[in-house]
Amino acid sequence: MKNLLLVLSFLFLIACTDNRKKTSLDVSEESIDKYIEEKLDTSQNFEIASGLRFSKGDETYTAEQFSQNDTVILCTEEIVTPTGVLLRNFFFKDDLPVYVEEYESIYSETSDLYRQRKIYFNGAIILKAYEKTASVEEELVKLPFKEITMTMNQFDFERPKNASMQQGDYEMKFGEFLVFDLESYLILENKESGWSVALYILKGDQLVDQLYANPDAYKGKTIHPYHEFMTIGGLDRVVYKGGYIVE
């Protein structure tokens, strides 16, 4: 009986160890490069969650999430401000970050700066980080990378996930309708985070009619809209394509 209890205890410990979530991975730059190459192969299939174009002040933020079997593989984000554009790709393995690549354009009155970075992670720490910069974008591709020092707190790995799934700071709630110059917009917002989105209404539906008929009753209610990015009248718009009230 005593031996049986020891065996059961041992098996329990093994089960607990197997079920613990990994906090780091045994990876190298070479194995990460191979993993990225594999995931970028055109034969790969992904479930894609495309985020809205969120606005706060003079900044806009857009993200997408690419998953396989309910596991996030890649997140992309675009941050646009009056002083520049930052494009960032996050790669994950076993739910942990392993690689980030950045392409940034920084504008100024005197001279522009173009920067490219690649950062390798083992999920818990940065293994290596590299950077190259140029004053002319076309020159960037010709330059070699130089090793730099970066820290984990320079990255928010959850932000693009939340934006893609419309949750956290990017959970959108009904604000109002705006109508001007014969154009109608559904305004959704998150007052706590300050992010909002203006959805261009090409065609109404039951949800739009419901909100428009009694806006006070739905003020502050979480709305999950569907959307499409379209160029209309020379302007890039986030077009409303339906949605539902989150109960």
C-alpha atoms as a PDB file:
ATOM      1  CA  MET A   1       0.000   0.000   0.000  1.00  0.00           C
ATOM      2  CA  LYS A   2       2.841   2.321   0.926  1.00  0.00           C
ATOM      3  CA  ASN A   3       4.556   1.640  -2.409  1.00  0.00           C
ATOM      4  CA  LEU A   4       1.292   2.309  -4.253  1.00  0.00           C
ATOM      5  CA  LEU A   5       0.949   5.706  -2.562  1.00  0.00           C
ATOM      6  CA  LEU A   6       4.529   6.580  -3.529  1.00  0.00           C
ATOM      7  CA  VAL A   7       3.854   5.675  -7.155  1.00  0.00           C
ATOM      8  CA  LEU A   8       0.642   7.729  -7.212  1.00  0.00           C
ATOM      9  CA  SER A   9       2.414  10.695  -5.650  1.00  0.00           C
ATOM     10  CA  PHE A  10       5.180  10.457  -8.263  1.00  0.00           C
ATOM     11  CA  LEU A  11       2.672  10.335 -11.116  1.00  0.00           C
ATOM     12  CA  PHE A  12       0.830  13.318  -9.649  1.00  0.00           C
ATOM     13  CA  LEU A  13       4.041  15.347  -9.553  1.00  0.00           C
ATOM     14  CA  ILE A  14       4.778  14.458 -13.176  1.00  0.00           C
ATOM     15  CA  ALA A  15       1.262  15.499 -14.220  1.00  0.00           C
ATOM     16  CA  CYS A  16       1.580  18.808 -12.396  1.00  0.00           C
ATOM     17  CA  THR A  17       4.958  19.453 -14.031  1.00  0.00           C
ATOM     18  CA  ASP A  18       3.604  18.671 -17.506  1.00  0.00           C
ATOM     19  CA  ASN A  19       0.615  20.950 -16.993  1.00  0.00           C
ATOM     20  CA  ARG A  20       2.635  23.911 -15.783  1.00  0.00           C
ATOM     21  CA  LYS A  21       2.722  26.694 -18.326  1.00  0.00           C
ATOM     22  CA  LYS A  22       6.166  27.218 -19.802  1.00  0.00           C
ATOM     23  CA  THR A  23       7.859  30.493 -18.964  1.00  0.00           C
ATOM     24  CA  SER A  24      10.848  30.085 -21.285  1.00  0.00           C
ATOM     25  CA  LEU A  25      11.923  28.054 -24.301  1.00  0.00           C
ATOM     26  CA  ASP A  26      15.131  26.303 -25.278  1.00  0.00           C
ATOM     27  CA  VAL A  27      15.729  28.227 -28.510  1.00  0.00           C
ATOM     28  CA  SER A  28      18.544  29.939 -30.397  1.00  0.00           C
ATOM     29  CA  GLU A  29      18.687  32.572 -33.129  1.00  0.00           C
ATOM     30  CA  GLU A  30      19.091  29.815 -35.708  1.00  0.00           C
ATOM     31  CA  SER A  31      16.127  27.756 -34.471  1.00  0.00           C
ATOM     32  CA  ILE A  32      13.963  30.880 -34.259  1.00  0.00           C
ATOM     33  CA  ASP A  33      14.872  31.887 -37.831  1.00  0.00           C
ATOM     34  CA  LYS A  34      13.928  28.386 -38.989  1.00  0.00           C
ATOM     35  CA  TYR A  35      10.624  28.582 -37.093  1.00  0.00           C
ATOM     36  CA  ILE A  36       9.789  31.986 -38.625  1.00  0.00           C
ATOM     37  CA  GLU A  37      10.619  30.710 -42.114  1.00  0.00           C
ATOM     38  CA  GLU A  38       8.315  27.749 -41.549  1.00  0.00           C
ATOM     39  CA  LYS A  39       5.421  29.898 -40.358  1.00  0.00           C
ATOM     40  CA  LEU A  40       5.779  32.351 -43.241  1.00  0.00           C
ATOM     41  CA  ASP A  41       5.580  29.579 -45.819  1.00  0.00           C
ATOM     42  CA  THR A  42       2.628  30.071 -48.147  1.00  0.00           C
ATOM     43  CA  SER A  43       1.384  26.555 -47.346  1.00  0.00           C
ATOM     44  CA  GLN A  44       0.529  27.611 -43.782  1.00  0.00           C
ATOM     45  CA  ASN A  45      -3.128  28.266 -42.923  1.00  0.00           C
ATOM     46  CA  PHE A  46      -4.186  30.737 -40.252  1.00  0.00           C
ATOM     47  CA  GLU A  47      -7.324  31.948 -38.560  1.00  0.00           C
ATOM     48  CA  ILE A  48      -7.147  35.745 -38.858  1.00  0.00           C
ATOM     49  CA  ALA A  49      -8.641  38.325 -36.487  1.00  0.00           C
ATOM     50  CA  SER A  50      -8.428  41.809 -37.967  1.00  0.00           C
ATOM     51  CA  GLY A  51      -8.700  44.711 -35.543  1.00  0.00           C
ATOM     52  CA  LEU A  52     -10.387  48.035 -36.090  1.00  0.00           C
ATOM     53  CA  ARG A  53      -8.470  51.247 -36.749  1.00  0.00           C
ATOM     54  CA  PHE A  54      -8.545  52.816 -33.316  1.00  0.00           C
ATOM     55  CA  SER A  55      -7.906  56.499 -32.668  1.00  0.00           C
ATOM     56  CA  LYS A  56      -6.771  58.504 -29.665  1.00  0.00           C
ATOM     57  CA  GLY A  57      -5.873  62.137 -30.182  1.00  0.00           C
ATOM     58  CA  ASP A  58      -3.648  62.299 -33.253  1.00  0.00           C
ATOM     59  CA  GLU A  59      -2.569  58.632 -33.012  1.00  0.00           C
ATOM     60  CA  THR A  60      -4.103  55.622 -34.768  1.00  0.00           C
ATOM     61  CA  TYR A  61      -3.539  51.962 -33.943  1.00  0.00           C
ATOM     62  CA  THR A  62      -4.328  48.852 -35.991  1.00  0.00           C
ATOM     63  CA  ALA A  63      -3.550  45.193 -35.249  1.00  0.00           C
ATOM     64  CA  GLU A  64      -4.087  41.715 -36.661  1.00  0.00           C
ATOM     65  CA  GLN A  65      -3.776  38.290 -35.071  1.00  0.00           C
ATOM     66  CA  PHE A  66      -2.884  35.041 -36.871  1.00  0.00           C
ATOM     67  CA  SER A  67      -3.611  31.762 -35.075  1.00  0.00           C
ATOM     68  CA  GLN A  68      -3.406  28.024 -35.643  1.00  0.00           C
ATOM     69  CA  ASN A  69      -5.486  25.603 -33.561  1.00  0.00           C
ATOM     70  CA  ASP A  70      -6.452  28.418 -31.171  1.00  0.00           C
ATOM     71  CA  THR A  71      -2.770  29.262 -30.567  1.00  0.00           C
ATOM     72  CA  VAL A  72      -1.477  32.703 -31.539  1.00  0.00           C
ATOM     73  CA  ILE A  73       1.470  32.523 -33.934  1.00  0.00           C
ATOM     74  CA  LEU A  74       1.798  36.088 -35.178  1.00  0.00           C
ATOM     75  CA  CYS A  75       0.463  39.515 -34.272  1.00  0.00           C
ATOM     76  CA  THR A  76       1.022  42.644 -36.323  1.00  0.00           C
ATOM     77  CA  GLU A  77       0.518  46.256 -35.301  1.00  0.00           C
ATOM     78  CA  GLU A  78       0.700  49.627 -36.989  1.00  0.00           C
ATOM     79  CA  ILE A  79       1.107  52.815 -34.961  1.00  0.00           C
ATOM     80  CA  VAL A  80       0.703  56.092 -36.843  1.00  0.00           C
ATOM     81  CA  THR A  81       1.458  59.498 -35.285  1.00  0.00           C
ATOM     82  CA  PRO A  82       2.258  62.914 -36.778  1.00  0.00           C
ATOM     83  CA  THR A  83       5.960  62.146 -36.239  1.00  0.00           C
ATOM     84  CA  GLY A  84       6.126  58.731 -37.830  1.00  0.00           C
ATOM     85  CA  VAL A  85       4.908  55.198 -38.531  1.00  0.00           C
ATOM     86  CA  LEU A  86       5.893  52.046 -36.651  1.00  0.00           C
ATOM     87  CA  LEU A  87       5.184  48.592 -38.072  1.00  0.00           C
ATOM     88  CA  ARG A  88       5.829  45.696 -35.712  1.00  0.00           C
ATOM     89  CA  ASN A  89       5.450  41.914 -36.087  1.00  0.00           C
ATOM     90  CA  PHE A  90       5.337  39.684 -32.997  1.00  0.00           C
ATOM     91  CA  PHE A  91       5.997  35.953 -33.408  1.00  0.00           C
ATOM     92  CA  PHE A  92       4.989  33.492 -30.688  1.00  0.00           C
ATOM     93  CA  LYS A  93       5.802  29.843 -30.042  1.00  0.00           C
ATOM     94  CA  ASP A  94       3.879  27.859 -27.438  1.00  0.00           C
ATOM     95  CA  ASP A  95       2.213  31.166 -26.439  1.00  0.00           C
ATOM     96  CA  LEU A  96       5.587  32.775 -25.672  1.00  0.00           C
ATOM     97  CA  PRO A  97       7.317  35.546 -27.656  1.00  0.00           C
ATOM     98  CA  VAL A  98      10.324  34.441 -29.708  1.00  0.00           C
ATOM     99  CA  TYR A  99      10.833  37.178 -32.291  1.00  0.00           C
ATOM    100  CA  VAL A 100       9.906  40.774 -33.012  1.00  0.00           C
ATOM    101  CA  GLU A 101      10.714  42.759 -36.137  1.00  0.00           C
ATOM    102  CA  GLU A 102      10.189  46.502 -36.406  1.00  0.00           C
ATOM    103  CA  TYR A 103      10.150  48.933 -39.308  1.00  0.00           C
ATOM    104  CA  GLU A 104       9.942  52.570 -38.266  1.00  0.00           C
ATOM    105  CA  SER A 105       9.828  55.852 -40.165  1.00  0.00           C
ATOM    106  CA  ILE A 106      10.517  58.937 -38.045  1.00  0.00           C
ATOM    107  CA  TYR A 107       9.776  62.342 -39.555  1.00  0.00           C
ATOM    108  CA  SER A 108      11.212  65.697 -38.542  1.00  0.00           C
ATOM    109  CA  GLU A 109      11.594  69.176 -40.021  1.00  0.00           C
ATOM    110  CA  THR A 110      15.333  68.742 -40.449  1.00  0.00           C
ATOM    111  CA  SER A 111      15.770  65.124 -41.614  1.00  0.00           C
ATOM    112  CA  ASP A 112      13.897  61.825 -41.605  1.00  0.00           C
ATOM    113  CA  LEU A 113      15.149  58.611 -40.018  1.00  0.00           C
ATOM    114  CA  TYR A 114      14.395  55.031 -41.039  1.00  0.00           C
ATOM    115  CA  ARG A 115      15.022  52.215 -38.585  1.00  0.00           C
ATOM    116  CA  GLN A 116      14.783  48.433 -38.717  1.00  0.00           C
ATOM    117  CA  ARG A 117      15.148  46.132 -35.719  1.00  0.00           C
ATOM    118  CA  LYS A 118      15.045  42.400 -35.067  1.00  0.00           C
ATOM    119  CA  ILE A 119      14.829  41.014 -31.554  1.00  0.00           C
ATOM    120  CA  TYR A 120      15.116  37.390 -30.426  1.00  0.00           C
ATOM    121  CA  PHE A 121      13.449  36.085 -27.237  1.00  0.00           C
ATOM    122  CA  ASN A 122      13.261  32.808 -25.366  1.00  0.00           C
ATOM    123  CA  GLY A 123       9.887  33.801 -23.946  1.00  0.00           C
ATOM    124  CA  ALA A 124      11.298  35.243 -20.735  1.00  0.00           C
ATOM    125  CA  ILE A 125      14.297  37.346 -21.761  1.00  0.00           C
ATOM    126  CA  ILE A 126      15.834  38.958 -24.818  1.00  0.00           C
ATOM    127  CA  LEU A 127      18.520  36.752 -26.333  1.00  0.00           C
ATOM    128  CA  LYS A 128      19.844  39.272 -28.869  1.00  0.00           C
ATOM    129  CA  ALA A 129      18.653  42.539 -30.411  1.00  0.00           C
ATOM    130  CA  TYR A 130      19.882  44.157 -33.633  1.00  0.00           C
ATOM    131  CA  GLU A 131      19.269  47.501 -35.334  1.00  0.00           C
ATOM    132  CA  LYS A 132      20.175  49.504 -38.407  1.00  0.00           C
ATOM    133  CA  THR A 133      19.249  53.075 -39.333  1.00  0.00           C
ATOM    134  CA  ALA A 134      19.474  55.288 -42.401  1.00  0.00           C
ATOM    135  CA  SER A 135      18.419  58.771 -43.448  1.00  0.00           C
ATOM    136  CA  VAL A 136      17.236  57.430 -46.818  1.00  0.00           C
ATOM    137  CA  GLU A 137      14.812  54.504 -46.822  1.00  0.00           C
ATOM    138  CA  GLU A 138      16.328  52.881 -49.919  1.00  0.00           C
ATOM    139  CA  GLU A 139      19.720  52.686 -48.185  1.00  0.00           C
ATOM    140  CA  LEU A 140      18.392  50.686 -45.249  1.00  0.00           C
ATOM    141  CA  VAL A 141      18.409  47.338 -47.044  1.00  0.00           C
ATOM    142  CA  LYS A 142      22.114  47.698 -47.899  1.00  0.00           C
ATOM    143  CA  LEU A 143      23.284  48.265 -44.328  1.00  0.00           C
ATOM    144  CA  PRO A 144      24.348  45.567 -41.853  1.00  0.00           C
ATOM    145  CA  PHE A 145      22.644  45.108 -38.495  1.00  0.00           C
ATOM    146  CA  LYS A 146      24.455  46.142 -35.312  1.00  0.00           C
ATOM    147  CA  GLU A 147      23.831  44.570 -31.939  1.00  0.00           C
ATOM    148  CA  ILE A 148      22.012  46.800 -29.426  1.00  0.00           C
ATOM    149  CA  THR A 149      20.647  46.505 -25.896  1.00  0.00           C
ATOM    150  CA  MET A 150      16.900  46.418 -25.278  1.00  0.00           C
ATOM    151  CA  THR A 151      14.684  45.376 -22.361  1.00  0.00           C
ATOM    152  CA  MET A 152      11.508  43.285 -22.137  1.00  0.00           C
ATOM    153  CA  ASN A 153       9.466  46.199 -20.778  1.00  0.00           C
ATOM    154  CA  GLN A 154       9.850  47.965 -24.125  1.00  0.00           C
ATOM    155  CA  PHE A 155       7.265  45.548 -25.565  1.00  0.00           C
ATOM    156  CA  ASP A 156       3.587  45.015 -24.839  1.00  0.00           C
ATOM    157  CA  PHE A 157       2.864  41.544 -26.187  1.00  0.00           C
ATOM    158  CA  GLU A 158      -0.797  41.625 -25.156  1.00  0.00           C
ATOM    159  CA  ARG A 159      -1.694  44.912 -26.837  1.00  0.00           C
ATOM    160  CA  PRO A 160      -2.075  43.636 -30.421  1.00  0.00           C
ATOM    161  CA  LYS A 161      -3.977  40.592 -29.163  1.00  0.00           C
ATOM    162  CA  ASN A 162      -6.437  42.777 -27.240  1.00  0.00           C
ATOM    163  CA  ALA A 163      -6.864  45.168 -30.167  1.00  0.00           C
ATOM    164  CA  SER A 164      -7.462  42.329 -32.637  1.00  0.00           C
ATOM    165  CA  MET A 165     -10.090  40.746 -30.377  1.00  0.00           C
ATOM    166  CA  GLN A 166     -11.669  44.066 -29.258  1.00  0.00           C
ATOM    167  CA  GLN A 167     -11.044  43.470 -25.566  1.00  0.00           C
ATOM    168  CA  GLY A 168      -9.334  45.238 -22.660  1.00  0.00           C
ATOM    169  CA  ASP A 169      -8.454  48.820 -23.638  1.00  0.00           C
ATOM    170  CA  TYR A 170     -10.005  48.122 -27.034  1.00  0.00           C
ATOM    171  CA  GLU A 171     -13.413  46.920 -25.905  1.00  0.00           C
ATOM    172  CA  MET A 172     -15.698  49.290 -27.760  1.00  0.00           C
ATOM    173  CA  LYS A 173     -18.906  50.727 -26.343  1.00  0.00           C
ATOM    174  CA  PHE A 174     -21.697  52.646 -28.010  1.00  0.00           C
ATOM    175  CA  GLY A 175     -21.136  56.379 -28.035  1.00  0.00           C
ATOM    176  CA  GLU A 176     -23.233  58.139 -30.653  1.00  0.00           C
ATOM    177  CA  PHE A 177     -24.021  58.619 -34.327  1.00  0.00           C
ATOM    178  CA  LEU A 178     -22.437  61.418 -36.318  1.00  0.00           C
ATOM    179  CA  VAL A 179     -24.086  62.664 -39.485  1.00  0.00           C
ATOM    180  CA  PHE A 180     -22.588  65.376 -41.691  1.00  0.00           C
ATOM    181  CA  ASP A 181     -22.338  66.040 -45.431  1.00  0.00           C
ATOM    182  CA  LEU A 182     -24.798  63.178 -46.000  1.00  0.00           C
ATOM    183  CA  GLU A 183     -22.333  60.742 -44.381  1.00  0.00           C
ATOM    184  CA  SER A 184     -23.175  58.688 -41.291  1.00  0.00           C
ATOM    185  CA  TYR A 185     -20.761  57.246 -38.716  1.00  0.00           C
ATOM    186  CA  LEU A 186     -21.237  54.932 -35.771  1.00  0.00           C
ATOM    187  CA  ILE A 187     -18.949  56.122 -32.975  1.00  0.00           C
ATOM    188  CA  LEU A 188     -17.729  53.499 -30.517  1.00  0.00           C
ATOM    189  CA  GLU A 189     -15.417  54.312 -27.631  1.00  0.00           C
ATOM    190  CA  ASN A 190     -13.643  53.168 -24.499  1.00  0.00           C
ATOM    191  CA  LYS A 191     -13.671  56.123 -22.118  1.00  0.00           C
ATOM    192  CA  GLU A 192     -11.273  54.472 -19.663  1.00  0.00           C
ATOM    193  CA  SER A 193      -8.482  53.975 -22.228  1.00  0.00           C
ATOM    194  CA  GLY A 194      -9.399  56.866 -24.515  1.00  0.00           C
ATOM    195  CA  TRP A 195      -9.486  54.766 -27.694  1.00  0.00           C
ATOM    196  CA  SER A 196     -12.378  55.107 -30.144  1.00  0.00           C
ATOM    197  CA  VAL A 197     -13.388  54.184 -33.677  1.00  0.00           C
ATOM    198  CA  ALA A 198     -15.600  55.841 -36.284  1.00  0.00           C
ATOM    199  CA  LEU A 199     -17.357  53.284 -38.479  1.00  0.00           C
ATOM    200  CA  TYR A 200     -18.559  54.593 -41.817  1.00  0.00           C
ATOM    201  CA  ILE A 201     -22.102  53.401 -42.488  1.00  0.00           C
ATOM    202  CA  LEU A 202     -22.647  52.490 -46.119  1.00  0.00           C
ATOM    203  CA  LYS A 203     -25.721  50.428 -45.358  1.00  0.00           C
ATOM    204  CA  GLY A 204     -27.769  50.207 -42.196  1.00  0.00           C
ATOM    205  CA  ASP A 205     -29.100  47.055 -40.588  1.00  0.00           C
ATOM    206  CA  GLN A 206     -31.149  45.890 -37.609  1.00  0.00           C
ATOM    207  CA  LEU A 207     -28.430  46.798 -35.099  1.00  0.00           C
ATOM    208  CA  VAL A 208     -27.991  50.309 -36.492  1.00  0.00           C
ATOM    209  CA  ASP A 209     -31.757  50.837 -36.451  1.00  0.00           C
ATOM    210  CA  GLN A 210     -31.933  49.531 -32.871  1.00  0.00           C
ATOM    211  CA  LEU A 211     -29.202  51.865 -31.625  1.00  0.00           C
ATOM    212  CA  TYR A 212     -30.484  54.853 -33.576  1.00  0.00           C
ATOM    213  CA  ALA A 213     -34.072  54.425 -32.347  1.00  0.00           C
ATOM    214  CA  ASN A 214     -33.114  54.492 -28.653  1.00  0.00           C
ATOM    215  CA  PRO A 215     -29.520  55.723 -28.199  1.00  0.00           C
ATOM    216  CA  ASP A 216     -29.865  56.540 -24.488  1.00  0.00           C
ATOM    217  CA  ALA A 217     -30.823  52.944 -23.684  1.00  0.00           C
ATOM    218  CA  TYR A 218     -27.638  51.587 -25.287  1.00  0.00           C
ATOM    219  CA  LYS A 219     -25.171  54.314 -24.272  1.00  0.00           C
ATOM    220  CA  GLY A 220     -22.086  52.584 -22.860  1.00  0.00           C
ATOM    221  CA  LYS A 221     -23.148  49.104 -23.991  1.00  0.00           C
ATOM    222  CA  THR A 222     -20.369  46.973 -25.468  1.00  0.00           C
ATOM    223  CA  ILE A 223     -20.719  46.601 -29.232  1.00  0.00           C
ATOM    224  CA  HIS A 224     -18.699  44.129 -31.284  1.00  0.00           C
ATOM    225  CA  PRO A 225     -18.734  45.411 -34.870  1.00  0.00           C
ATOM    226  CA  TYR A 226     -17.591  43.725 -38.044  1.00  0.00           C
ATOM    227  CA  HIS A 227     -15.727  45.909 -40.489  1.00  0.00           C
ATOM    228  CA  GLU A 228     -13.874  46.248 -43.755  1.00  0.00           C
ATOM    229  CA  PHE A 229     -11.161  48.716 -44.751  1.00  0.00           C
ATOM    230  CA  MET A 230     -12.145  50.540 -47.926  1.00  0.00           C
ATOM    231  CA  THR A 231     -11.043  53.616 -49.885  1.00  0.00           C
ATOM    232  CA  ILE A 232     -14.084  55.764 -50.605  1.00  0.00           C
ATOM    233  CA  GLY A 233     -13.913  59.265 -52.039  1.00  0.00           C
ATOM    234  CA  GLY A 234     -10.129  59.156 -51.797  1.00  0.00           C
ATOM    235  CA  LEU A 235     -10.233  58.465 -48.040  1.00  0.00           C
ATOM    236  CA  ASP A 236      -9.319  55.274 -46.184  1.00  0.00           C
ATOM    237  CA  ARG A 237     -12.380  54.325 -44.137  1.00  0.00           C
ATOM    238  CA  VAL A 238     -13.360  51.689 -41.607  1.00  0.00           C
ATOM    239  CA  VAL A 239     -16.686  50.543 -43.058  1.00  0.00           C
ATOM    240  CA  TYR A 240     -19.400  49.085 -40.829  1.00  0.00           C
ATOM    241  CA  LYS A 241     -20.377  45.555 -41.910  1.00  0.00           C
ATOM    242  CA  GLY A 242     -22.685  44.502 -39.074  1.00  0.00           C
ATOM    243  CA  GLY A 243     -22.217  43.598 -35.445  1.00  0.00           C
ATOM    244  CA  TYR A 244     -23.903  42.673 -32.187  1.00  0.00           C
ATOM    245  CA  ILE A 245     -24.439  43.874 -28.641  1.00  0.00           C
ATOM    246  CA  VAL A 246     -22.276  42.012 -26.107  1.00  0.00           C
ATOM    247  CA  GLU A 247     -24.489  41.004 -23.195  1.00  0.00           C
END
